Amino acid sequence: MATYKEIQGYVKEKYKTSIKTCWIADMKEFHDLKKGVAPNRISLDSKTNPCPDDKKEMITDAFNYFEMI
């Protein structure tokens, strides 16, 4: 499984845009790839920074590239 830095690097190289790690975590949860909960997470039910719709396809492409899905 690719690291968050590798996913960020792939998206930056291919799409020339930066993505936040919380967006990657949101998409990992969407694709049932999430295994743990961040120790600094305030609430398990709420998300303060969900992935924007325009970034979802880019992150999903990175997951496919790294054969995570």
PDB file of N, CA and C in Angstrom:
ATOM      1  N   MET A   1       0.840  -1.170   0.000  1.00  0.00           N
ATOM      2  CA  MET A   1       0.000   0.000   0.000  1.00  0.00           C
ATOM      3  C   MET A   1       0.889   1.238   0.000  1.00  0.00           C
ATOM      4  N   ALA A   2       0.525   2.200  -0.809  1.00  0.00           N
ATOM      5  CA  ALA A   2       1.303   3.425  -0.943  1.00  0.00           C
ATOM      6  C   ALA A   2       1.141   4.314   0.286  1.00  0.00           C
ATOM      7  N   THR A   3       2.163   5.093   0.561  1.00  0.00           N
ATOM      8  CA  THR A   3       2.095   6.043   1.666  1.00  0.00           C
ATOM      9  C   THR A   3       1.371   7.307   1.212  1.00  0.00           C
ATOM     10  N   TYR A   4       0.985   8.102   2.188  1.00  0.00           N
ATOM     11  CA  TYR A   4       0.311   9.360   1.873  1.00  0.00           C
ATOM     12  C   TYR A   4       1.227  10.254   1.036  1.00  0.00           C
ATOM     13  N   LYS A   5       2.511  10.276   1.364  1.00  0.00           N
ATOM     14  CA  LYS A   5       3.477  11.097   0.606  1.00  0.00           C
ATOM     15  C   LYS A   5       3.582  10.633  -0.842  1.00  0.00           C
ATOM     16  N   GLU A   6       3.576   9.319  -1.069  1.00  0.00           N
ATOM     17  CA  GLU A   6       3.638   8.799  -2.431  1.00  0.00           C
ATOM     18  C   GLU A   6       2.390   9.184  -3.220  1.00  0.00           C
ATOM     19  N   ILE A   7       1.241   9.101  -2.579  1.00  0.00           N
ATOM     20  CA  ILE A   7      -0.009   9.482  -3.244  1.00  0.00           C
ATOM     21  C   ILE A   7      -0.001  10.974  -3.553  1.00  0.00           C
ATOM     22  N   GLN A   8       0.426  11.784  -2.591  1.00  0.00           N
ATOM     23  CA  GLN A   8       0.515  13.221  -2.826  1.00  0.00           C
ATOM     24  C   GLN A   8       1.486  13.533  -3.967  1.00  0.00           C
ATOM     25  N   GLY A   9       2.614  12.864  -3.998  1.00  0.00           N
ATOM     26  CA  GLY A   9       3.600  13.081  -5.053  1.00  0.00           C
ATOM     27  C   GLY A   9       3.065  12.708  -6.426  1.00  0.00           C
ATOM     28  N   TYR A  10       2.351  11.590  -6.509  1.00  0.00           N
ATOM     29  CA  TYR A  10       1.770  11.153  -7.780  1.00  0.00           C
ATOM     30  C   TYR A  10       0.764  12.188  -8.289  1.00  0.00           C
ATOM     31  N   VAL A  11      -0.121  12.642  -7.411  1.00  0.00           N
ATOM     32  CA  VAL A  11      -1.144  13.621  -7.815  1.00  0.00           C
ATOM     33  C   VAL A  11      -0.483  14.938  -8.212  1.00  0.00           C
ATOM     34  N   LYS A  12       0.521  15.355  -7.469  1.00  0.00           N
ATOM     35  CA  LYS A  12       1.217  16.613  -7.788  1.00  0.00           C
ATOM     36  C   LYS A  12       1.910  16.527  -9.150  1.00  0.00           C
ATOM     37  N   GLU A  13       2.549  15.388  -9.418  1.00  0.00           N
ATOM     38  CA  GLU A  13       3.263  15.194 -10.686  1.00  0.00           C
ATOM     39  C   GLU A  13       2.294  15.127 -11.869  1.00  0.00           C
ATOM     40  N   LYS A  14       1.223  14.373 -11.724  1.00  0.00           N
ATOM     41  CA  LYS A  14       0.308  14.143 -12.848  1.00  0.00           C
ATOM     42  C   LYS A  14      -0.689  15.281 -13.061  1.00  0.00           C
ATOM     43  N   TYR A  15      -1.229  15.818 -11.973  1.00  0.00           N
ATOM     44  CA  TYR A  15      -2.305  16.814 -12.084  1.00  0.00           C
ATOM     45  C   TYR A  15      -1.866  18.233 -11.733  1.00  0.00           C
ATOM     46  N   LYS A  16      -0.625  18.402 -11.299  1.00  0.00           N
ATOM     47  CA  LYS A  16      -0.076  19.728 -10.957  1.00  0.00           C
ATOM     48  C   LYS A  16      -0.902  20.432  -9.886  1.00  0.00           C
ATOM     49  N   THR A  17      -1.366  19.668  -8.900  1.00  0.00           N
ATOM     50  CA  THR A  17      -2.116  20.233  -7.789  1.00  0.00           C
ATOM     51  C   THR A  17      -1.754  19.492  -6.508  1.00  0.00           C
ATOM     52  N   SER A  18      -1.927  20.154  -5.390  1.00  0.00           N
ATOM     53  CA  SER A  18      -1.627  19.543  -4.096  1.00  0.00           C
ATOM     54  C   SER A  18      -2.911  19.030  -3.463  1.00  0.00           C
ATOM     55  N   ILE A  19      -2.773  17.951  -2.696  1.00  0.00           N
ATOM     56  CA  ILE A  19      -3.920  17.411  -1.980  1.00  0.00           C
ATOM     57  C   ILE A  19      -3.550  17.243  -0.512  1.00  0.00           C
ATOM     58  N   LYS A  20      -4.552  17.325   0.341  1.00  0.00           N
ATOM     59  CA  LYS A  20      -4.340  17.198   1.784  1.00  0.00           C
ATOM     60  C   LYS A  20      -4.424  15.731   2.188  1.00  0.00           C
ATOM     61  N   THR A  21      -3.711  15.399   3.258  1.00  0.00           N
ATOM     62  CA  THR A  21      -3.742  14.023   3.746  1.00  0.00           C
ATOM     63  C   THR A  21      -5.134  13.642   4.252  1.00  0.00           C
ATOM     64  N   CYS A  22      -5.881  14.603   4.778  1.00  0.00           N
ATOM     65  CA  CYS A  22      -7.235  14.293   5.250  1.00  0.00           C
ATOM     66  C   CYS A  22      -8.148  13.917   4.084  1.00  0.00           C
ATOM     67  N   TRP A  23      -7.888  14.448   2.892  1.00  0.00           N
ATOM     68  CA  TRP A  23      -8.664  14.058   1.716  1.00  0.00           C
ATOM     69  C   TRP A  23      -8.341  12.622   1.321  1.00  0.00           C
ATOM     70  N   ILE A  24      -7.068  12.241   1.439  1.00  0.00           N
ATOM     71  CA  ILE A  24      -6.672  10.857   1.141  1.00  0.00           C
ATOM     72  C   ILE A  24      -7.348   9.918   2.136  1.00  0.00           C
ATOM     73  N   ALA A  25      -7.345  10.288   3.410  1.00  0.00           N
ATOM     74  CA  ALA A  25      -7.986   9.459   4.432  1.00  0.00           C
ATOM     75  C   ALA A  25      -9.476   9.317   4.160  1.00  0.00           C
ATOM     76  N   ASP A  26     -10.113  10.384   3.742  1.00  0.00           N
ATOM     77  CA  ASP A  26     -11.539  10.341   3.420  1.00  0.00           C
ATOM     78  C   ASP A  26     -11.805   9.378   2.264  1.00  0.00           C
ATOM     79  N   MET A  27     -10.960   9.425   1.242  1.00  0.00           N
ATOM     80  CA  MET A  27     -11.143   8.543   0.095  1.00  0.00           C
ATOM     81  C   MET A  27     -10.785   7.100   0.435  1.00  0.00           C
ATOM     82  N   LYS A  28      -9.817   6.898   1.324  1.00  0.00           N
ATOM     83  CA  LYS A  28      -9.498   5.535   1.770  1.00  0.00           C
ATOM     84  C   LYS A  28     -10.703   4.935   2.490  1.00  0.00           C
ATOM     85  N   GLU A  29     -11.365   5.740   3.301  1.00  0.00           N
ATOM     86  CA  GLU A  29     -12.562   5.275   3.994  1.00  0.00           C
ATOM     87  C   GLU A  29     -13.678   4.980   2.993  1.00  0.00           C
ATOM     88  N   PHE A  30     -13.824   5.834   1.980  1.00  0.00           N
ATOM     89  CA  PHE A  30     -14.837   5.639   0.943  1.00  0.00           C
ATOM     90  C   PHE A  30     -14.624   4.317   0.203  1.00  0.00           C
ATOM     91  N   HIS A  31     -13.376   3.968  -0.056  1.00  0.00           N
ATOM     92  CA  HIS A  31     -13.040   2.737  -0.777  1.00  0.00           C
ATOM     93  C   HIS A  31     -12.776   1.556   0.168  1.00  0.00           C
ATOM     94  N   ASP A  32     -13.132   1.700   1.437  1.00  0.00           N
ATOM     95  CA  ASP A  32     -12.943   0.652   2.451  1.00  0.00           C
ATOM     96  C   ASP A  32     -11.478   0.241   2.610  1.00  0.00           C
ATOM     97  N   LEU A  33     -10.573   1.198   2.516  1.00  0.00           N
ATOM     98  CA  LEU A  33      -9.149   0.937   2.694  1.00  0.00           C
ATOM     99  C   LEU A  33      -8.653   1.406   4.061  1.00  0.00           C
ATOM    100  N   LYS A  34      -9.470   2.117   4.782  1.00  0.00           N
ATOM    101  CA  LYS A  34      -9.078   2.686   6.069  1.00  0.00           C
ATOM    102  C   LYS A  34      -8.944   1.589   7.110  1.00  0.00           C
ATOM    103  N   LYS A  35      -7.811   1.548   7.786  1.00  0.00           N
ATOM    104  CA  LYS A  35      -7.572   0.503   8.777  1.00  0.00           C
ATOM    105  C   LYS A  35      -7.553   1.034  10.196  1.00  0.00           C
ATOM    106  N   GLY A  36      -7.163   2.264  10.392  1.00  0.00           N
ATOM    107  CA  GLY A  36      -7.047   2.803  11.742  1.00  0.00           C
ATOM    108  C   GLY A  36      -7.653   4.185  11.841  1.00  0.00           C
ATOM    109  N   VAL A  37      -7.665   4.705  13.041  1.00  0.00           N
ATOM    110  CA  VAL A  37      -8.183   6.043  13.290  1.00  0.00           C
ATOM    111  C   VAL A  37      -7.027   6.897  13.784  1.00  0.00           C
ATOM    112  N   ALA A  38      -6.930   8.093  13.258  1.00  0.00           N
ATOM    113  CA  ALA A  38      -5.864   9.004  13.665  1.00  0.00           C
ATOM    114  C   ALA A  38      -5.981   9.314  15.155  1.00  0.00           C
ATOM    115  N   PRO A  39      -4.863   9.343  15.863  1.00  0.00           N
ATOM    116  CA  PRO A  39      -4.925   9.598  17.305  1.00  0.00           C
ATOM    117  C   PRO A  39      -5.422  11.001  17.651  1.00  0.00           C
ATOM    118  N   ASN A  40      -5.332  11.929  16.725  1.00  0.00           N
ATOM    119  CA  ASN A  40      -5.771  13.294  16.987  1.00  0.00           C
ATOM    120  C   ASN A  40      -7.194  13.561  16.482  1.00  0.00           C
ATOM    121  N   ARG A  41      -7.901  12.524  16.067  1.00  0.00           N
ATOM    122  CA  ARG A  41      -9.264  12.681  15.574  1.00  0.00           C
ATOM    123  C   ARG A  41     -10.181  13.036  16.733  1.00  0.00           C
ATOM    124  N   ILE A  42     -10.921  14.110  16.585  1.00  0.00           N
ATOM    125  CA  ILE A  42     -11.778  14.607  17.662  1.00  0.00           C
ATOM    126  C   ILE A  42     -13.045  13.764  17.782  1.00  0.00           C
ATOM    127  N   SER A  43     -13.690  13.513  16.652  1.00  0.00           N
ATOM    128  CA  SER A  43     -14.934  12.761  16.670  1.00  0.00           C
ATOM    129  C   SER A  43     -14.910  11.716  15.569  1.00  0.00           C
ATOM    130  N   LEU A  44     -15.389  10.528  15.863  1.00  0.00           N
ATOM    131  CA  LEU A  44     -15.430   9.470  14.857  1.00  0.00           C
ATOM    132  C   LEU A  44     -16.556   9.678  13.858  1.00  0.00           C
ATOM    133  N   ASP A  45     -17.540  10.489  14.222  1.00  0.00           N
ATOM    134  CA  ASP A  45     -18.722  10.672  13.376  1.00  0.00           C
ATOM    135  C   ASP A  45     -18.647  11.866  12.445  1.00  0.00           C
ATOM    136  N   SER A  46     -17.831  12.845  12.759  1.00  0.00           N
ATOM    137  CA  SER A  46     -17.800  14.053  11.936  1.00  0.00           C
ATOM    138  C   SER A  46     -16.467  14.183  11.202  1.00  0.00           C
ATOM    139  N   LYS A  47     -16.535  14.839  10.066  1.00  0.00           N
ATOM    140  CA  LYS A  47     -15.339  15.118   9.270  1.00  0.00           C
ATOM    141  C   LYS A  47     -15.254  16.624   9.084  1.00  0.00           C
ATOM    142  N   THR A  48     -14.121  17.178   9.448  1.00  0.00           N
ATOM    143  CA  THR A  48     -13.974  18.624   9.309  1.00  0.00           C
ATOM    144  C   THR A  48     -13.495  19.003   7.914  1.00  0.00           C
ATOM    145  N   ASN A  49     -12.797  18.099   7.225  1.00  0.00           N
ATOM    146  CA  ASN A  49     -12.272  18.387   5.890  1.00  0.00           C
ATOM    147  C   ASN A  49     -12.514  17.216   4.942  1.00  0.00           C
ATOM    148  N   PRO A  50     -13.767  16.992   4.541  1.00  0.00           N
ATOM    149  CA  PRO A  50     -14.009  15.909   3.581  1.00  0.00           C
ATOM    150  C   PRO A  50     -13.392  16.252   2.222  1.00  0.00           C
ATOM    151  N   CYS A  51     -13.131  15.227   1.437  1.00  0.00           N
ATOM    152  CA  CYS A  51     -12.502  15.428   0.135  1.00  0.00           C
ATOM    153  C   CYS A  51     -13.444  16.178  -0.810  1.00  0.00           C
ATOM    154  N   PRO A  52     -12.959  17.260  -1.440  1.00  0.00           N
ATOM    155  CA  PRO A  52     -13.791  17.977  -2.405  1.00  0.00           C
ATOM    156  C   PRO A  52     -14.060  17.108  -3.641  1.00  0.00           C
ATOM    157  N   ASP A  53     -15.197  17.318  -4.254  1.00  0.00           N
ATOM    158  CA  ASP A  53     -15.599  16.510  -5.405  1.00  0.00           C
ATOM    159  C   ASP A  53     -14.586  16.560  -6.549  1.00  0.00           C
ATOM    160  N   ASP A  54     -13.948  17.712  -6.756  1.00  0.00           N
ATOM    161  CA  ASP A  54     -13.008  17.832  -7.876  1.00  0.00           C
ATOM    162  C   ASP A  54     -11.686  17.101  -7.637  1.00  0.00           C
ATOM    163  N   LYS A  55     -11.424  16.668  -6.417  1.00  0.00           N
ATOM    164  CA  LYS A  55     -10.181  15.941  -6.108  1.00  0.00           C
ATOM    165  C   LYS A  55     -10.387  14.427  -6.007  1.00  0.00           C
ATOM    166  N   LYS A  56     -11.633  13.989  -5.896  1.00  0.00           N
ATOM    167  CA  LYS A  56     -11.920  12.568  -5.690  1.00  0.00           C
ATOM    168  C   LYS A  56     -11.396  11.699  -6.825  1.00  0.00           C
ATOM    169  N   GLU A  57     -11.590  12.120  -8.054  1.00  0.00           N
ATOM    170  CA  GLU A  57     -11.135  11.334  -9.202  1.00  0.00           C
ATOM    171  C   GLU A  57      -9.613  11.233  -9.236  1.00  0.00           C
ATOM    172  N   MET A  58      -8.935  12.311  -8.872  1.00  0.00           N
ATOM    173  CA  MET A  58      -7.469  12.313  -8.861  1.00  0.00           C
ATOM    174  C   MET A  58      -6.928  11.318  -7.836  1.00  0.00           C
ATOM    175  N   ILE A  59      -7.518  11.318  -6.653  1.00  0.00           N
ATOM    176  CA  ILE A  59      -7.051  10.422  -5.595  1.00  0.00           C
ATOM    177  C   ILE A  59      -7.387   8.976  -5.942  1.00  0.00           C
ATOM    178  N   THR A  60      -8.563   8.746  -6.509  1.00  0.00           N
ATOM    179  CA  THR A  60      -8.938   7.397  -6.939  1.00  0.00           C
ATOM    180  C   THR A  60      -7.988   6.910  -8.025  1.00  0.00           C
ATOM    181  N   ASP A  61      -7.579   7.790  -8.925  1.00  0.00           N
ATOM    182  CA  ASP A  61      -6.601   7.427  -9.955  1.00  0.00           C
ATOM    183  C   ASP A  61      -5.279   7.009  -9.312  1.00  0.00           C
ATOM    184  N   ALA A  62      -4.864   7.726  -8.276  1.00  0.00           N
ATOM    185  CA  ALA A  62      -3.631   7.368  -7.570  1.00  0.00           C
ATOM    186  C   ALA A  62      -3.765   6.008  -6.900  1.00  0.00           C
ATOM    187  N   PHE A  63      -4.918   5.726  -6.312  1.00  0.00           N
ATOM    188  CA  PHE A  63      -5.152   4.412  -5.704  1.00  0.00           C
ATOM    189  C   PHE A  63      -5.036   3.312  -6.761  1.00  0.00           C
ATOM    190  N   ASN A  64      -5.591   3.558  -7.931  1.00  0.00           N
ATOM    191  CA  ASN A  64      -5.476   2.577  -9.020  1.00  0.00           C
ATOM    192  C   ASN A  64      -4.036   2.417  -9.469  1.00  0.00           C
ATOM    193  N   TYR A  65      -3.312   3.520  -9.581  1.00  0.00           N
ATOM    194  CA  TYR A  65      -1.918   3.479 -10.004  1.00  0.00           C
ATOM    195  C   TYR A  65      -1.072   2.648  -9.048  1.00  0.00           C
ATOM    196  N   PHE A  66      -1.316   2.806  -7.760  1.00  0.00           N
ATOM    197  CA  PHE A  66      -0.556   2.060  -6.752  1.00  0.00           C
ATOM    198  C   PHE A  66      -1.188   0.703  -6.423  1.00  0.00           C
ATOM    199  N   GLU A  67      -2.176   0.314  -7.219  1.00  0.00           N
ATOM    200  CA  GLU A  67      -2.860  -0.981  -7.085  1.00  0.00           C
ATOM    201  C   GLU A  67      -3.433  -1.192  -5.687  1.00  0.00           C
ATOM    202  N   MET A  68      -4.028  -0.144  -5.155  1.00  0.00           N
ATOM    203  CA  MET A  68      -4.656  -0.230  -3.839  1.00  0.00           C
ATOM    204  C   MET A  68      -6.117  -0.643  -3.969  1.00  0.00           C
ATOM    205  N   ILE A  69      -6.705  -0.356  -5.132  1.00  0.00           N
ATOM    206  CA  ILE A  69      -8.075  -0.780  -5.407  1.00  0.00           C
ATOM    207  C   ILE A  69      -8.121  -1.478  -6.752  1.00  0.00           C
TER     208      ILE A  69
END
